[in-house]
Protein backbone atom coordinates (compact mmCIF):
# COMPACT_ATOMS: atom_id res chain seq x y z
CA MET A 1 -51.56 -12.19 27.42
CA ARG A 2 -49.57 -10.11 24.96
CA HIS A 3 -52.14 -9.48 22.25
CA GLY A 4 -51.27 -6.48 20.08
CA LYS A 5 -47.81 -5.97 21.58
CA ARG A 6 -45.77 -6.45 18.48
CA PHE A 7 -42.16 -5.39 19.06
CA ASN A 8 -39.37 -7.71 20.05
CA HIS A 9 -38.41 -7.46 23.72
CA LEU A 10 -35.07 -9.17 23.00
CA GLY A 11 -35.15 -10.95 26.37
CA ARG A 12 -34.28 -7.78 28.26
CA THR A 13 -35.92 -5.36 30.64
CA SER A 14 -37.23 -2.11 29.23
CA SER A 15 -34.35 0.04 30.49
CA HIS A 16 -31.72 -2.45 29.30
CA ARG A 17 -33.37 -2.67 25.88
CA LYS A 18 -33.57 1.12 25.49
CA SER A 19 -29.94 1.66 26.45
CA MET A 20 -28.77 -1.19 24.22
CA LEU A 21 -30.66 0.16 21.19
CA SER A 22 -29.37 3.66 21.95
CA ASN A 23 -25.77 2.45 22.03
CA MET A 24 -26.23 0.38 18.88
CA ALA A 25 -27.81 3.34 17.07
CA SER A 26 -24.91 5.59 18.07
CA SER A 27 -22.42 2.99 16.86
CA LEU A 28 -24.27 2.64 13.57
CA ILE A 29 -24.29 6.40 13.03
CA LEU A 30 -20.59 6.78 13.82
CA ASN A 31 -19.32 3.65 12.03
CA LYS A 32 -21.94 3.43 9.23
CA LYS A 33 -21.99 -0.38 9.61
CA ILE A 34 -22.19 -2.82 12.54
CA GLU A 35 -22.42 -6.58 12.92
CA THR A 36 -25.09 -7.94 15.25
CA THR A 37 -27.70 -10.65 15.56
CA LEU A 38 -30.65 -10.62 13.18
CA ALA A 39 -33.23 -9.94 15.90
CA LYS A 40 -31.26 -6.99 17.26
CA GLY A 41 -30.69 -5.69 13.74
CA LYS A 42 -34.41 -5.71 12.96
CA ALA A 43 -35.18 -4.00 16.27
CA LEU A 44 -32.46 -1.43 15.59
CA ARG A 45 -33.91 -0.68 12.16
CA LYS A 46 -37.29 0.17 13.72
CA TYR A 47 -35.50 2.31 16.30
CA ILE A 48 -33.20 4.31 14.05
CA GLU A 49 -35.25 4.96 10.90
CA PRO A 50 -37.54 7.55 12.59
CA LEU A 51 -34.47 9.25 14.07
CA ILE A 52 -32.89 9.57 10.63
CA THR A 53 -36.16 10.98 9.29
CA LYS A 54 -36.18 13.57 12.10
CA SER A 55 -32.63 14.57 11.17
CA LYS A 56 -33.82 15.86 7.78
CA SER A 57 -35.18 19.00 9.46
CA ASP A 58 -32.29 20.57 11.35
CA THR A 59 -34.17 22.39 14.09
CA THR A 60 -33.41 22.70 17.77
CA HIS A 61 -36.47 20.67 18.64
CA SER A 62 -35.52 17.77 16.35
CA ARG A 63 -31.95 17.79 17.65
CA ARG A 64 -33.16 17.63 21.25
CA SER A 65 -35.68 14.89 20.56
CA VAL A 66 -33.01 12.79 18.77
CA PHE A 67 -30.56 13.46 21.61
CA SER A 68 -33.12 12.16 24.10
CA TYR A 69 -32.93 8.82 22.27
CA LEU A 70 -29.21 8.64 21.52
CA GLN A 71 -27.61 10.38 24.56
CA ASN A 72 -24.43 10.97 22.53
CA LYS A 73 -23.45 14.42 21.23
CA ASP A 74 -21.00 13.08 18.63
CA SER A 75 -23.54 10.79 17.04
CA VAL A 76 -26.18 13.56 17.01
CA ASN A 77 -23.74 15.94 15.30
CA GLU A 78 -22.79 13.27 12.77
CA LEU A 79 -26.45 12.45 12.12
CA PHE A 80 -27.47 16.05 11.55
CA GLY A 81 -24.26 16.94 9.74
CA GLY A 82 -23.06 14.37 7.24
CA ILE A 83 -25.78 11.75 7.19
CA SER A 84 -28.80 14.05 6.79
CA GLU A 85 -27.22 15.74 3.76
CA LYS A 86 -26.54 12.43 2.08
CA ILE A 87 -30.00 10.92 2.66
CA ASP A 88 -31.97 14.10 1.98
CA ALA A 89 -33.56 12.86 -1.26
CA ARG A 90 -34.31 9.35 0.02
CA PRO A 91 -37.95 8.88 1.12
CA GLY A 92 -37.19 6.13 3.64
CA GLY A 93 -35.36 2.82 3.89
CA TYR A 94 -32.12 4.26 5.20
CA THR A 95 -30.70 0.98 6.49
CA ARG A 96 -29.91 -2.35 4.89
CA ILE A 97 -29.70 -5.71 6.66
CA ILE A 98 -27.44 -8.33 5.11
CA LYS A 99 -27.63 -11.82 6.59
CA THR A 100 -24.20 -13.33 7.17
CA GLY A 101 -25.02 -16.79 8.47
CA SER A 102 -24.88 -18.32 11.92
CA ARG A 103 -22.62 -17.52 14.86
CA LEU A 104 -20.20 -20.27 15.76
CA GLY A 105 -20.92 -20.58 19.49
CA ASP A 106 -24.69 -20.55 19.76
CA ASN A 107 -25.83 -20.74 16.11
CA ALA A 108 -27.57 -17.36 16.32
CA ASP A 109 -28.46 -15.74 12.99
CA MET A 110 -25.99 -12.92 12.37
CA CYS A 111 -26.32 -9.90 10.10
CA ILE A 112 -24.64 -6.70 9.09
CA ILE A 113 -26.78 -3.59 9.35
CA GLU A 114 -25.51 -0.59 7.43
CA LEU A 115 -26.60 2.79 6.19
CA VAL A 116 -27.62 2.43 2.55
CA ASP A 117 -25.91 5.52 1.18
CA TYR A 118 -22.54 4.64 2.69
CA ASN A 119 -21.85 1.26 1.08
CA ASN A 120 -19.34 2.14 -1.62
CA LEU A 121 -19.33 -1.32 -3.17
CA MET A 122 -23.04 -1.26 -3.94
CA LEU A 123 -23.12 2.39 -4.95
CA THR A 124 -20.59 2.11 -7.76
CA ASP A 125 -22.24 1.69 -11.11
CA LYS A 126 -21.15 -1.60 -12.50
CA PRO A 127 -20.59 -1.57 -16.23
CA LEU A 128 -23.27 -3.56 -17.94
CA LYS A 129 -21.96 -6.70 -19.51
CA ALA A 130 -22.47 -6.93 -23.21
CA THR A 131 -24.93 -9.68 -23.83
CA LYS A 132 -23.39 -12.50 -25.71
CA THR A 133 -25.47 -13.82 -28.52
CA ARG A 134 -25.25 -17.43 -29.43
CA ARG A 135 -25.54 -18.03 -33.11
CA ARG A 136 -26.30 -21.29 -34.76
CA ARG A 137 -24.54 -22.31 -37.88
CA LYS A 138 -26.52 -21.70 -40.98
CA LYS A 139 -27.52 -24.81 -42.82
CA LYS A 140 -25.97 -25.09 -46.24
CA THR A 141 -28.41 -26.44 -48.76
CA THR A 142 -26.36 -26.28 -51.93
CA THR A 143 -25.86 -29.35 -54.10
CA GLN A 144 -22.11 -29.41 -53.43
CA ASP A 145 -22.74 -29.64 -49.71
CA VAL A 146 -25.21 -32.47 -50.18
CA SER A 147 -22.68 -34.42 -52.24
CA LEU A 148 -19.97 -33.78 -49.64
CA SER A 149 -22.18 -34.97 -46.84
CA SER A 150 -23.02 -38.14 -48.77
CA LYS A 151 -19.30 -38.81 -49.29
CA LYS A 152 -18.69 -38.36 -45.56
CA SER A 153 -21.49 -40.73 -44.68
CA SER A 154 -20.18 -43.36 -47.11
CA LYS A 155 -16.70 -43.07 -45.55
CA SER A 156 -18.11 -43.44 -42.06
CA SER A 157 -20.16 -46.48 -43.11
CA LYS A 158 -17.02 -48.08 -44.59
CA LYS A 159 -15.20 -47.49 -41.29
CA SER A 160 -18.02 -49.03 -39.30
CA THR A 161 -18.08 -52.13 -41.52
CA LYS A 162 -14.32 -52.55 -41.07
CA LYS A 163 -14.77 -52.37 -37.27
CA ASN A 164 -17.55 -54.95 -37.40
CA ASP A 165 -15.37 -57.29 -39.50
CA GLU A 166 -12.48 -56.98 -37.06
CA SER A 167 -14.69 -57.70 -34.08
CA LYS A 168 -16.17 -60.80 -35.76
CA SER A 169 -12.71 -62.14 -36.57
CA LYS A 170 -11.66 -61.95 -32.91
């Protein structure tokens, strides 16, 4: 029974799962965005968020502990160099998962997982659209307008009687 064992095993052995998540984390750090399945993306988010938090304190111990997970010097240097400076003020939530639909071959749910502070499209401040107000026409209640509206209604009634006469004659 697997009561209380709450992480996704992803259908892999422990060593395969650890190496896969390590490689995916290194790719995410170096490329800032990767495309994967939704289950792997959620597992990767749980794997990489503590590593990014550890990168905020640039000590030898934190570098070695992160290297024990990633096994890639370039990704460790990138994490402690550029990424930690950019996410320094953020209290968590360093990654974003965007669902992209289903894969063509096996209909697996696909997603894009990216580092939040590196998406330039979402970071740009969009200019706020000026709200358009819809105005109703003011009702005119002067006597001239009332007389004009009565003239219009009498003209329209004359037209309708002419149409009725023509239809009866046919």
